Amino acid sequence: MRRLSERLQLARIVLAELRRQPLCRTELEKRTVKRCGTHGTFESIFDFLIENGYVRKSGKEHRAPYEITEEGIKFLGGLKSE
């Protein structure tokens, strides 16, 4: 159960950071892992958020920043109320 709560906390951090401003993956990972988690857990959660449409790239360039989607904002709201 502790592992699930850590993953949910990590998802909250990622989505909250992107709600403030779009960020490149490297900067997002630095900010997230500094507060909670490891590189591996970040990769796992970040992939989950992308695959489920909560996060997307804001452009087509290789280094385009990522941004939170409307679905991601709703998901973040649900995570905060837990």
Protein backbone atom coordinates (compact mmCIF):
# COMPACT_ATOMS: atom_id res chain seq x y z
CA MET A 1 0.00 0.00 0.00
CA ARG A 2 2.87 2.35 0.73
CA ARG A 3 4.11 1.93 -2.84
CA LEU A 4 0.72 2.97 -4.24
CA SER A 5 0.58 6.09 -2.07
CA GLU A 6 4.11 7.02 -3.18
CA ARG A 7 3.13 6.64 -6.84
CA LEU A 8 0.01 8.74 -6.34
CA GLN A 9 2.08 11.40 -4.60
CA LEU A 10 4.52 11.35 -7.50
CA ALA A 11 1.65 11.73 -10.00
CA ARG A 12 0.34 14.70 -7.98
CA ILE A 13 3.75 16.36 -8.04
CA VAL A 14 4.19 15.87 -11.81
CA LEU A 15 0.72 17.19 -12.64
CA ALA A 16 0.99 20.11 -10.20
CA GLU A 17 4.34 21.16 -11.69
CA LEU A 18 2.88 21.05 -15.20
CA ARG A 19 -0.18 22.98 -14.10
CA ARG A 20 2.14 25.82 -13.06
CA GLN A 21 3.97 25.83 -16.40
CA PRO A 22 4.95 23.53 -19.28
CA LEU A 23 8.34 21.90 -18.67
CA CYS A 24 10.79 19.72 -20.59
CA ARG A 25 11.03 16.14 -19.39
CA THR A 26 14.49 16.60 -17.84
CA GLU A 27 13.49 19.63 -15.77
CA LEU A 28 10.24 17.95 -14.73
CA GLU A 29 12.12 14.85 -13.60
CA LYS A 30 14.62 16.94 -11.59
CA ARG A 31 11.85 18.80 -9.78
CA THR A 32 9.86 15.64 -9.15
CA VAL A 33 12.61 13.28 -7.99
CA LYS A 34 14.00 16.00 -5.72
CA ARG A 35 10.70 15.92 -3.81
CA CYS A 36 9.76 12.25 -4.07
CA GLY A 37 10.69 9.05 -5.88
CA THR A 38 13.48 7.79 -8.08
CA HIS A 39 14.28 7.92 -11.78
CA GLY A 40 12.53 4.57 -12.26
CA THR A 41 9.33 5.57 -10.50
CA PHE A 42 9.29 8.89 -12.33
CA GLU A 43 9.59 7.12 -15.70
CA SER A 44 6.81 4.72 -14.80
CA ILE A 45 4.39 7.43 -13.63
CA PHE A 46 5.28 9.80 -16.47
CA ASP A 47 4.64 7.08 -19.06
CA PHE A 48 1.31 6.29 -17.36
CA LEU A 49 0.28 9.96 -17.47
CA ILE A 50 1.16 10.25 -21.17
CA GLU A 51 -0.49 6.97 -22.17
CA ASN A 52 -3.72 7.96 -20.43
CA GLY A 53 -3.85 11.45 -21.94
CA TYR A 54 -3.15 13.42 -18.75
CA VAL A 55 0.07 14.92 -20.15
CA ARG A 56 1.15 15.75 -23.71
CA LYS A 57 3.95 17.46 -25.57
CA SER A 58 3.11 21.06 -26.37
CA GLY A 59 4.87 20.99 -29.74
CA LYS A 60 6.41 18.72 -32.34
CA GLU A 61 10.05 19.59 -31.66
CA HIS A 62 12.22 16.97 -29.98
CA ARG A 63 12.73 19.16 -26.91
CA ALA A 64 9.20 20.58 -26.76
CA PRO A 65 7.93 21.00 -23.20
CA TYR A 66 5.16 18.86 -21.78
CA GLU A 67 1.88 20.28 -20.53
CA ILE A 68 -1.08 19.06 -18.52
CA THR A 69 -4.29 18.33 -20.44
CA GLU A 70 -7.89 19.02 -19.39
CA GLU A 71 -8.14 15.35 -18.42
CA GLY A 72 -4.97 15.77 -16.38
CA ILE A 73 -6.45 18.71 -14.52
CA LYS A 74 -9.51 16.61 -13.65
CA PHE A 75 -7.30 13.70 -12.57
CA LEU A 76 -5.20 16.03 -10.41
CA GLY A 77 -8.37 17.30 -8.74
CA GLY A 78 -9.30 13.71 -7.89
CA LEU A 79 -5.84 12.99 -6.52
CA LYS A 80 -5.93 16.03 -4.26
CA SER A 81 -9.24 14.99 -2.70
CA GLU A 82 -7.94 11.56 -1.62
